[in-house]
N, C-alpha and C. Protein backbone atom coordinates (compact mmCIF):
# COMPACT_ATOMS: atom_id res chain seq x y z
N MET A 1 178.46 -83.54 17.42
CA MET A 1 179.16 -82.63 18.28
C MET A 1 180.35 -82.05 17.51
N LEU A 2 180.60 -80.76 17.71
CA LEU A 2 181.77 -80.08 17.13
C LEU A 2 182.46 -79.29 18.23
N LEU A 3 183.76 -79.16 18.14
CA LEU A 3 184.53 -78.34 19.08
C LEU A 3 184.71 -76.96 18.48
N THR A 4 184.70 -75.95 19.32
CA THR A 4 184.90 -74.59 18.82
C THR A 4 186.35 -74.13 18.94
N ALA A 5 187.20 -74.95 19.52
CA ALA A 5 188.63 -74.62 19.59
C ALA A 5 189.22 -74.67 18.18
N ALA A 6 190.40 -74.13 18.03
CA ALA A 6 191.03 -74.08 16.71
C ALA A 6 191.41 -75.46 16.19
N THR A 7 191.68 -76.38 17.09
CA THR A 7 192.08 -77.74 16.70
C THR A 7 191.34 -78.77 17.55
N ARG A 8 191.44 -80.01 17.13
CA ARG A 8 190.84 -81.10 17.91
C ARG A 8 191.55 -81.22 19.26
N LEU A 9 190.82 -81.71 20.24
CA LEU A 9 191.40 -81.93 21.56
C LEU A 9 191.91 -83.34 21.69
N GLY A 10 193.02 -83.49 22.41
CA GLY A 10 193.58 -84.81 22.63
C GLY A 10 192.61 -85.74 23.33
N ALA A 11 191.77 -85.18 24.21
CA ALA A 11 190.81 -85.99 24.95
C ALA A 11 189.65 -86.45 24.07
N LEU A 12 189.43 -85.76 22.95
CA LEU A 12 188.33 -86.08 22.04
C LEU A 12 188.84 -86.12 20.60
N PRO A 13 189.74 -87.03 20.29
CA PRO A 13 190.38 -87.01 18.98
C PRO A 13 189.45 -87.26 17.79
N ASP A 14 188.31 -87.87 18.03
CA ASP A 14 187.38 -88.16 16.93
C ASP A 14 186.34 -87.07 16.72
N VAL A 15 186.37 -86.04 17.57
CA VAL A 15 185.41 -84.95 17.45
C VAL A 15 186.06 -83.81 16.66
N PRO A 16 185.49 -83.48 15.51
CA PRO A 16 186.11 -82.43 14.68
C PRO A 16 185.94 -81.03 15.27
N ALA A 17 186.86 -80.17 14.90
CA ALA A 17 186.77 -78.76 15.26
C ALA A 17 185.97 -78.03 14.19
N VAL A 18 185.24 -77.01 14.56
CA VAL A 18 184.46 -76.22 13.61
C VAL A 18 185.36 -75.70 12.49
N SER A 19 186.61 -75.36 12.84
CA SER A 19 187.53 -74.81 11.84
C SER A 19 187.81 -75.77 10.69
N GLU A 20 187.50 -77.05 10.89
CA GLU A 20 187.67 -78.00 9.79
C GLU A 20 186.59 -77.80 8.72
N PHE A 21 185.51 -77.13 9.09
CA PHE A 21 184.40 -76.88 8.17
C PHE A 21 184.27 -75.40 7.82
N VAL A 22 184.68 -74.55 8.76
CA VAL A 22 184.62 -73.10 8.58
C VAL A 22 186.03 -72.56 8.83
N PRO A 23 186.83 -72.43 7.78
CA PRO A 23 188.22 -71.99 7.95
C PRO A 23 188.32 -70.67 8.71
N GLY A 24 189.23 -70.64 9.67
CA GLY A 24 189.45 -69.44 10.45
C GLY A 24 188.58 -69.31 11.68
N TYR A 25 187.59 -70.20 11.81
CA TYR A 25 186.71 -70.12 12.98
C TYR A 25 187.44 -70.63 14.21
N GLU A 26 187.33 -69.89 15.30
CA GLU A 26 187.91 -70.31 16.56
C GLU A 26 187.26 -69.56 17.69
N PHE A 27 186.80 -70.28 18.68
CA PHE A 27 186.32 -69.68 19.91
C PHE A 27 186.71 -70.62 21.04
N SER A 28 187.47 -70.11 21.96
CA SER A 28 187.89 -70.90 23.12
C SER A 28 187.61 -70.12 24.37
N ALA A 29 187.07 -70.79 25.35
CA ALA A 29 186.88 -70.17 26.66
C ALA A 29 188.20 -70.27 27.43
N PHE A 30 188.42 -69.34 28.31
CA PHE A 30 189.64 -69.39 29.12
C PHE A 30 189.33 -68.80 30.49
N PHE A 31 190.16 -69.16 31.41
CA PHE A 31 190.09 -68.61 32.76
C PHE A 31 191.44 -67.97 33.05
N GLY A 32 191.42 -66.83 33.67
CA GLY A 32 192.67 -66.17 34.02
C GLY A 32 192.50 -65.44 35.33
N ILE A 33 193.59 -65.06 35.90
CA ILE A 33 193.59 -64.32 37.16
C ILE A 33 194.15 -62.94 36.87
N GLY A 34 193.42 -61.92 37.25
CA GLY A 34 193.85 -60.55 37.04
C GLY A 34 193.97 -59.82 38.36
N ALA A 35 194.63 -58.71 38.33
CA ALA A 35 194.80 -57.89 39.52
C ALA A 35 194.77 -56.42 39.12
N SER A 36 194.47 -55.59 40.07
CA SER A 36 194.47 -54.15 39.86
C SER A 36 195.88 -53.69 39.47
N LYS A 37 195.94 -52.63 38.67
CA LYS A 37 197.24 -52.07 38.29
C LYS A 37 197.99 -51.55 39.52
N LYS A 38 197.28 -51.38 40.63
CA LYS A 38 197.90 -50.88 41.86
C LYS A 38 198.68 -51.96 42.62
N VAL A 39 198.49 -53.23 42.25
CA VAL A 39 199.21 -54.31 42.91
C VAL A 39 200.68 -54.24 42.49
N PRO A 40 201.58 -54.26 43.44
CA PRO A 40 203.02 -54.16 43.10
C PRO A 40 203.46 -55.28 42.15
N THR A 41 204.34 -54.92 41.22
CA THR A 41 204.86 -55.87 40.24
C THR A 41 205.45 -57.10 40.92
N SER A 42 206.12 -56.92 42.03
CA SER A 42 206.75 -58.06 42.71
C SER A 42 205.70 -59.08 43.16
N ILE A 43 204.55 -58.62 43.59
CA ILE A 43 203.48 -59.53 44.01
C ILE A 43 202.87 -60.23 42.80
N VAL A 44 202.65 -59.50 41.72
CA VAL A 44 202.11 -60.09 40.49
C VAL A 44 203.07 -61.17 39.98
N GLU A 45 204.35 -60.87 39.98
CA GLU A 45 205.34 -61.85 39.50
C GLU A 45 205.38 -63.08 40.39
N LYS A 46 205.28 -62.89 41.70
CA LYS A 46 205.28 -64.03 42.63
C LYS A 46 204.04 -64.89 42.41
N LEU A 47 202.87 -64.26 42.30
CA LEU A 47 201.64 -65.01 42.03
C LEU A 47 201.75 -65.78 40.72
N ASN A 48 202.26 -65.12 39.68
CA ASN A 48 202.41 -65.77 38.39
C ASN A 48 203.32 -66.98 38.48
N LYS A 49 204.43 -66.82 39.17
CA LYS A 49 205.38 -67.92 39.33
C LYS A 49 204.73 -69.11 40.04
N GLU A 50 204.02 -68.86 41.12
CA GLU A 50 203.41 -69.94 41.91
C GLU A 50 202.24 -70.59 41.17
N ILE A 51 201.43 -69.79 40.51
CA ILE A 51 200.30 -70.35 39.74
C ILE A 51 200.83 -71.21 38.59
N ASN A 52 201.83 -70.71 37.87
CA ASN A 52 202.41 -71.48 36.77
C ASN A 52 203.05 -72.77 37.27
N ALA A 53 203.67 -72.72 38.46
CA ALA A 53 204.25 -73.94 39.04
C ALA A 53 203.15 -74.96 39.33
N GLY A 54 202.03 -74.49 39.85
CA GLY A 54 200.90 -75.40 40.10
C GLY A 54 200.35 -75.99 38.82
N LEU A 55 200.26 -75.18 37.79
CA LEU A 55 199.75 -75.66 36.51
C LEU A 55 200.71 -76.63 35.83
N ALA A 56 201.99 -76.59 36.21
CA ALA A 56 202.98 -77.51 35.65
C ALA A 56 202.99 -78.86 36.36
N ASP A 57 202.30 -78.94 37.48
CA ASP A 57 202.25 -80.19 38.24
C ASP A 57 201.61 -81.28 37.37
N PRO A 58 202.24 -82.46 37.27
CA PRO A 58 201.70 -83.52 36.42
C PRO A 58 200.26 -83.93 36.75
N MET A 59 199.91 -83.91 38.03
CA MET A 59 198.53 -84.28 38.40
C MET A 59 197.53 -83.22 37.90
N VAL A 60 197.91 -81.96 38.01
CA VAL A 60 197.04 -80.88 37.53
C VAL A 60 196.92 -80.96 36.01
N LYS A 61 198.04 -81.15 35.34
CA LYS A 61 198.02 -81.26 33.87
C LYS A 61 197.14 -82.42 33.42
N GLN A 62 197.25 -83.54 34.11
CA GLN A 62 196.43 -84.70 33.75
C GLN A 62 194.95 -84.44 34.00
N ARG A 63 194.64 -83.80 35.11
CA ARG A 63 193.23 -83.50 35.40
C ARG A 63 192.65 -82.56 34.35
N LEU A 64 193.42 -81.55 33.97
CA LEU A 64 192.96 -80.65 32.91
C LEU A 64 192.76 -81.42 31.61
N ALA A 65 193.69 -82.30 31.28
CA ALA A 65 193.57 -83.11 30.05
C ALA A 65 192.33 -83.99 30.11
N ASP A 66 192.06 -84.57 31.28
CA ASP A 66 190.87 -85.41 31.45
C ASP A 66 189.58 -84.61 31.19
N LEU A 67 189.65 -83.32 31.47
CA LEU A 67 188.50 -82.44 31.27
C LEU A 67 188.47 -81.84 29.87
N GLY A 68 189.44 -82.25 29.03
CA GLY A 68 189.50 -81.73 27.67
C GLY A 68 190.09 -80.33 27.60
N SER A 69 190.95 -80.02 28.53
CA SER A 69 191.52 -78.68 28.59
C SER A 69 193.03 -78.76 28.72
N SER A 70 193.66 -77.62 28.75
CA SER A 70 195.10 -77.54 28.99
C SER A 70 195.40 -76.20 29.62
N ALA A 71 196.56 -76.11 30.24
CA ALA A 71 196.96 -74.87 30.90
C ALA A 71 197.53 -73.89 29.87
N PHE A 72 197.25 -72.65 30.07
CA PHE A 72 197.76 -71.56 29.25
C PHE A 72 198.76 -70.82 30.14
N VAL A 73 200.00 -71.27 30.13
CA VAL A 73 201.02 -70.78 31.04
C VAL A 73 201.80 -69.66 30.36
N VAL A 74 201.60 -68.44 30.84
CA VAL A 74 202.26 -67.27 30.25
C VAL A 74 202.67 -66.29 31.35
N SER A 75 203.45 -65.31 30.95
CA SER A 75 203.86 -64.24 31.86
C SER A 75 202.71 -63.23 31.98
N PRO A 76 202.75 -62.37 32.99
CA PRO A 76 201.72 -61.32 33.08
C PRO A 76 201.67 -60.45 31.81
N ALA A 77 202.81 -60.13 31.24
CA ALA A 77 202.83 -59.30 30.02
C ALA A 77 202.19 -60.04 28.85
N GLU A 78 202.49 -61.32 28.72
CA GLU A 78 201.90 -62.11 27.63
C GLU A 78 200.39 -62.25 27.81
N PHE A 79 199.95 -62.41 29.05
CA PHE A 79 198.51 -62.51 29.31
C PHE A 79 197.83 -61.18 28.98
N GLY A 80 198.49 -60.07 29.31
CA GLY A 80 197.95 -58.76 28.97
C GLY A 80 197.79 -58.59 27.47
N LYS A 81 198.77 -59.05 26.70
CA LYS A 81 198.68 -58.98 25.23
C LYS A 81 197.55 -59.88 24.72
N PHE A 82 197.42 -61.05 25.33
CA PHE A 82 196.35 -61.97 24.94
C PHE A 82 194.98 -61.31 25.18
N ILE A 83 194.79 -60.73 26.34
CA ILE A 83 193.52 -60.07 26.68
C ILE A 83 193.25 -58.92 25.71
N ALA A 84 194.27 -58.13 25.40
CA ALA A 84 194.11 -57.02 24.45
C ALA A 84 193.70 -57.55 23.08
N GLY A 85 194.32 -58.64 22.64
CA GLY A 85 193.96 -59.24 21.34
C GLY A 85 192.54 -59.77 21.32
N GLU A 86 192.14 -60.43 22.40
CA GLU A 86 190.76 -60.95 22.49
C GLU A 86 189.75 -59.79 22.50
N THR A 87 190.08 -58.73 23.21
CA THR A 87 189.20 -57.57 23.27
C THR A 87 189.02 -56.96 21.88
N GLU A 88 190.12 -56.83 21.16
CA GLU A 88 190.07 -56.28 19.79
C GLU A 88 189.27 -57.19 18.86
N LYS A 89 189.54 -58.49 18.94
CA LYS A 89 188.86 -59.46 18.06
C LYS A 89 187.34 -59.41 18.28
N TRP A 90 186.92 -59.47 19.54
CA TRP A 90 185.48 -59.53 19.80
C TRP A 90 184.81 -58.18 19.62
N ALA A 91 185.56 -57.09 19.77
CA ALA A 91 185.00 -55.76 19.48
C ALA A 91 184.65 -55.66 18.00
N LYS A 92 185.49 -56.22 17.14
CA LYS A 92 185.20 -56.23 15.70
C LYS A 92 183.93 -57.03 15.40
N VAL A 93 183.79 -58.16 16.06
CA VAL A 93 182.58 -58.98 15.87
C VAL A 93 181.35 -58.20 16.31
N ILE A 94 181.44 -57.55 17.44
CA ILE A 94 180.31 -56.78 17.98
C ILE A 94 179.94 -55.65 17.03
N ARG A 95 180.95 -54.94 16.52
CA ARG A 95 180.67 -53.84 15.59
C ARG A 95 180.08 -54.38 14.28
N ALA A 96 180.65 -55.47 13.75
CA ALA A 96 180.17 -56.02 12.48
C ALA A 96 178.73 -56.52 12.59
N ALA A 97 178.38 -57.03 13.76
CA ALA A 97 177.02 -57.54 13.96
C ALA A 97 176.08 -56.44 14.46
N ASN A 98 176.61 -55.23 14.64
CA ASN A 98 175.83 -54.10 15.11
C ASN A 98 175.13 -54.42 16.44
N ILE A 99 175.85 -55.07 17.33
CA ILE A 99 175.29 -55.43 18.63
C ILE A 99 175.34 -54.20 19.54
N LYS A 100 174.22 -53.93 20.18
CA LYS A 100 174.10 -52.77 21.07
C LYS A 100 173.70 -53.25 22.47
N PRO A 101 174.16 -52.57 23.51
CA PRO A 101 173.74 -52.94 24.87
C PRO A 101 172.25 -52.67 25.03
N GLU A 102 171.63 -53.48 25.85
CA GLU A 102 170.19 -53.28 26.11
C GLU A 102 169.99 -52.56 27.41
């Protein structure tokens, strides 16, 4: 078994990451909550604050760790930058592999 995250997981310390064999390799799944651009900033900020507070709860953090995961706690702007970066990264992969929609 190999992990596709950039580093080994605390829950699986003996399982190597692919990047240990293929430098620069990294693929991580993530879950996020998005909203329409029409949603008022005040509501987005309130949701972000409450979701991040829930993710900071020790029981939630422990449950995520038990599942081999961790929370990605960021601001709406930081999440937007992350999504833009992921879109750019995978667009390059798609173009390099000449992947076309069917």
